[in-house]
């Protein structure tokens, strides 16, 4: 059995279907969450740097 036939076989068979759909859902979830998380992290770091600069100006 070649690789493409094995892939089609695993797609058609329902016992693999749940794992594949869960994996695709997880992948789309990551794609949705990762940009927001990285943006929040960047915003957090940037605001902390601004606060440090303000403290240094006060001294």
N, C-alpha and C. Protein backbone atom coordinates (compact mmCIF):
# COMPACT_ATOMS: atom_id res chain seq x y z
N UNK A 1 0.84 -1.19 0.00
CA UNK A 1 0.00 0.00 0.00
C UNK A 1 0.89 1.26 0.00
N UNK A 2 0.65 2.12 -0.96
CA UNK A 2 1.47 3.34 -1.03
C UNK A 2 0.97 4.40 -0.05
N UNK A 3 1.73 5.49 0.06
CA UNK A 3 1.47 6.49 1.08
C UNK A 3 0.15 7.23 0.86
N UNK A 4 -0.14 7.59 -0.39
CA UNK A 4 -1.38 8.31 -0.67
C UNK A 4 -2.59 7.42 -0.41
N UNK A 5 -2.47 6.15 -0.75
CA UNK A 5 -3.56 5.20 -0.47
C UNK A 5 -3.78 5.05 1.02
N UNK A 6 -2.69 5.04 1.78
CA UNK A 6 -2.79 4.94 3.24
C UNK A 6 -3.46 6.18 3.82
N UNK A 7 -3.14 7.33 3.24
CA UNK A 7 -3.72 8.59 3.71
C UNK A 7 -5.23 8.62 3.45
N UNK A 8 -5.64 8.23 2.24
CA UNK A 8 -7.06 8.18 1.88
C UNK A 8 -7.78 7.17 2.79
N UNK A 9 -7.13 6.04 3.03
CA UNK A 9 -7.69 5.00 3.87
C UNK A 9 -7.93 5.54 5.29
N UNK A 10 -6.99 6.30 5.81
CA UNK A 10 -7.13 6.83 7.17
C UNK A 10 -8.18 7.95 7.22
N UNK A 11 -8.35 8.67 6.10
CA UNK A 11 -9.36 9.72 6.07
C UNK A 11 -10.76 9.11 6.01
N UNK A 12 -10.92 8.06 5.21
CA UNK A 12 -12.23 7.43 5.04
C UNK A 12 -12.66 6.71 6.33
N UNK A 13 -11.72 6.05 6.97
CA UNK A 13 -12.08 5.30 8.18
C UNK A 13 -12.42 6.25 9.33
N UNK A 14 -13.55 6.03 10.00
CA UNK A 14 -14.03 6.99 11.00
C UNK A 14 -13.23 7.00 12.31
N UNK A 15 -12.49 5.93 12.59
CA UNK A 15 -11.78 5.90 13.88
C UNK A 15 -10.64 6.90 13.90
N UNK A 16 -10.10 7.27 12.72
CA UNK A 16 -9.06 8.29 12.65
C UNK A 16 -9.67 9.69 12.50
N UNK A 17 -10.94 9.73 12.11
CA UNK A 17 -11.57 11.01 11.78
C UNK A 17 -11.61 11.94 12.99
N UNK A 18 -11.89 11.38 14.16
CA UNK A 18 -11.99 12.21 15.36
C UNK A 18 -10.65 12.83 15.70
N UNK A 19 -9.58 12.06 15.58
CA UNK A 19 -8.24 12.57 15.88
C UNK A 19 -7.84 13.67 14.89
N UNK A 20 -8.15 13.46 13.62
CA UNK A 20 -7.80 14.45 12.59
C UNK A 20 -8.56 15.75 12.81
N UNK A 21 -9.87 15.64 13.09
CA UNK A 21 -10.66 16.86 13.30
C UNK A 21 -10.22 17.58 14.57
N UNK A 22 -9.84 16.83 15.60
CA UNK A 22 -9.34 17.45 16.83
C UNK A 22 -8.02 18.16 16.56
N UNK A 23 -7.17 17.54 15.75
CA UNK A 23 -5.89 18.16 15.41
C UNK A 23 -6.10 19.44 14.60
N UNK A 24 -7.01 19.40 13.63
CA UNK A 24 -7.29 20.59 12.83
C UNK A 24 -7.89 21.70 13.69
N UNK A 25 -8.77 21.32 14.61
CA UNK A 25 -9.35 22.31 15.53
C UNK A 25 -8.26 22.94 16.40
N UNK A 26 -7.36 22.12 16.90
CA UNK A 26 -6.26 22.61 17.73
C UNK A 26 -5.36 23.55 16.93
N UNK A 27 -5.12 23.20 15.66
CA UNK A 27 -4.27 24.02 14.80
C UNK A 27 -4.91 25.39 14.55
N UNK A 28 -6.22 25.40 14.25
CA UNK A 28 -6.91 26.67 14.02
C UNK A 28 -6.99 27.48 15.31
N UNK A 29 -7.14 26.78 16.45
CA UNK A 29 -7.16 27.45 17.75
C UNK A 29 -5.82 28.15 18.01
N UNK A 30 -4.71 27.46 17.69
CA UNK A 30 -3.38 28.05 17.85
C UNK A 30 -3.22 29.27 16.96
N UNK A 31 -3.68 29.15 15.71
CA UNK A 31 -3.55 30.26 14.76
C UNK A 31 -4.36 31.47 15.22
N UNK A 32 -5.47 31.21 15.91
CA UNK A 32 -6.30 32.32 16.39
C UNK A 32 -5.71 32.94 17.65
N UNK A 33 -5.15 32.11 18.54
CA UNK A 33 -4.71 32.59 19.85
C UNK A 33 -3.30 33.18 19.81
N UNK A 34 -2.41 32.58 19.00
CA UNK A 34 -1.00 32.98 19.04
C UNK A 34 -0.77 34.46 18.73
N UNK A 35 -1.38 35.03 17.68
CA UNK A 35 -1.15 36.46 17.42
C UNK A 35 -1.63 37.35 18.56
N UNK A 36 -2.78 37.01 19.14
CA UNK A 36 -3.30 37.80 20.26
C UNK A 36 -2.39 37.69 21.47
N UNK A 37 -1.91 36.48 21.75
CA UNK A 37 -1.03 36.26 22.90
C UNK A 37 0.29 37.00 22.70
N UNK A 38 0.85 36.92 21.51
CA UNK A 38 2.13 37.60 21.25
C UNK A 38 1.95 39.12 21.31
N UNK A 39 0.80 39.60 20.83
CA UNK A 39 0.52 41.04 20.89
C UNK A 39 0.42 41.50 22.35
N UNK A 40 -0.30 40.73 23.18
CA UNK A 40 -0.44 41.07 24.60
C UNK A 40 0.91 41.05 25.30
N UNK A 41 1.72 40.05 24.98
CA UNK A 41 3.04 39.93 25.58
C UNK A 41 3.92 41.13 25.18
N UNK A 42 3.89 41.48 23.90
CA UNK A 42 4.64 42.63 23.41
C UNK A 42 4.18 43.91 24.10
N UNK A 43 2.86 44.07 24.23
CA UNK A 43 2.30 45.25 24.87
C UNK A 43 2.73 45.33 26.33
N UNK A 44 2.72 44.18 27.02
CA UNK A 44 3.13 44.11 28.43
C UNK A 44 4.59 44.51 28.60
N UNK A 45 5.46 43.96 27.74
CA UNK A 45 6.90 44.26 27.82
C UNK A 45 7.15 45.73 27.48
N UNK A 46 6.46 46.23 26.46
CA UNK A 46 6.65 47.61 26.03
C UNK A 46 6.22 48.59 27.12
N UNK A 47 5.09 48.31 27.78
CA UNK A 47 4.61 49.20 28.84
C UNK A 47 5.54 49.16 30.04
N UNK A 48 6.11 47.99 30.34
CA UNK A 48 7.09 47.90 31.44
C UNK A 48 8.33 48.72 31.13
N UNK A 49 8.79 48.68 29.88
CA UNK A 49 9.96 49.48 29.49
C UNK A 49 9.66 50.97 29.61
N UNK A 50 8.46 51.38 29.25
CA UNK A 50 8.07 52.78 29.38
C UNK A 50 8.07 53.21 30.84
N UNK A 51 7.55 52.34 31.73
CA UNK A 51 7.53 52.66 33.16
C UNK A 51 8.94 52.79 33.71
N UNK A 52 9.85 51.92 33.28
CA UNK A 52 11.24 52.00 33.72
C UNK A 52 11.87 53.32 33.27
N UNK A 53 11.59 53.74 32.06
CA UNK A 53 12.13 55.01 31.55
C UNK A 53 11.60 56.19 32.37
N UNK A 54 10.30 56.13 32.72
CA UNK A 54 9.72 57.21 33.52
C UNK A 54 10.36 57.27 34.90
N UNK A 55 10.62 56.10 35.50
CA UNK A 55 11.26 56.07 36.82
C UNK A 55 12.67 56.64 36.75
N UNK A 56 13.37 56.32 35.67
CA UNK A 56 14.74 56.84 35.51
C UNK A 56 14.72 58.36 35.32
N UNK A 57 13.71 58.88 34.66
CA UNK A 57 13.60 60.33 34.47
C UNK A 57 13.33 61.03 35.80
N UNK A 58 12.53 60.39 36.68
CA UNK A 58 12.20 61.00 37.97
C UNK A 58 13.43 61.13 38.88
N UNK A 59 14.38 60.19 38.74
CA UNK A 59 15.56 60.23 39.62
C UNK A 59 16.47 61.42 39.33
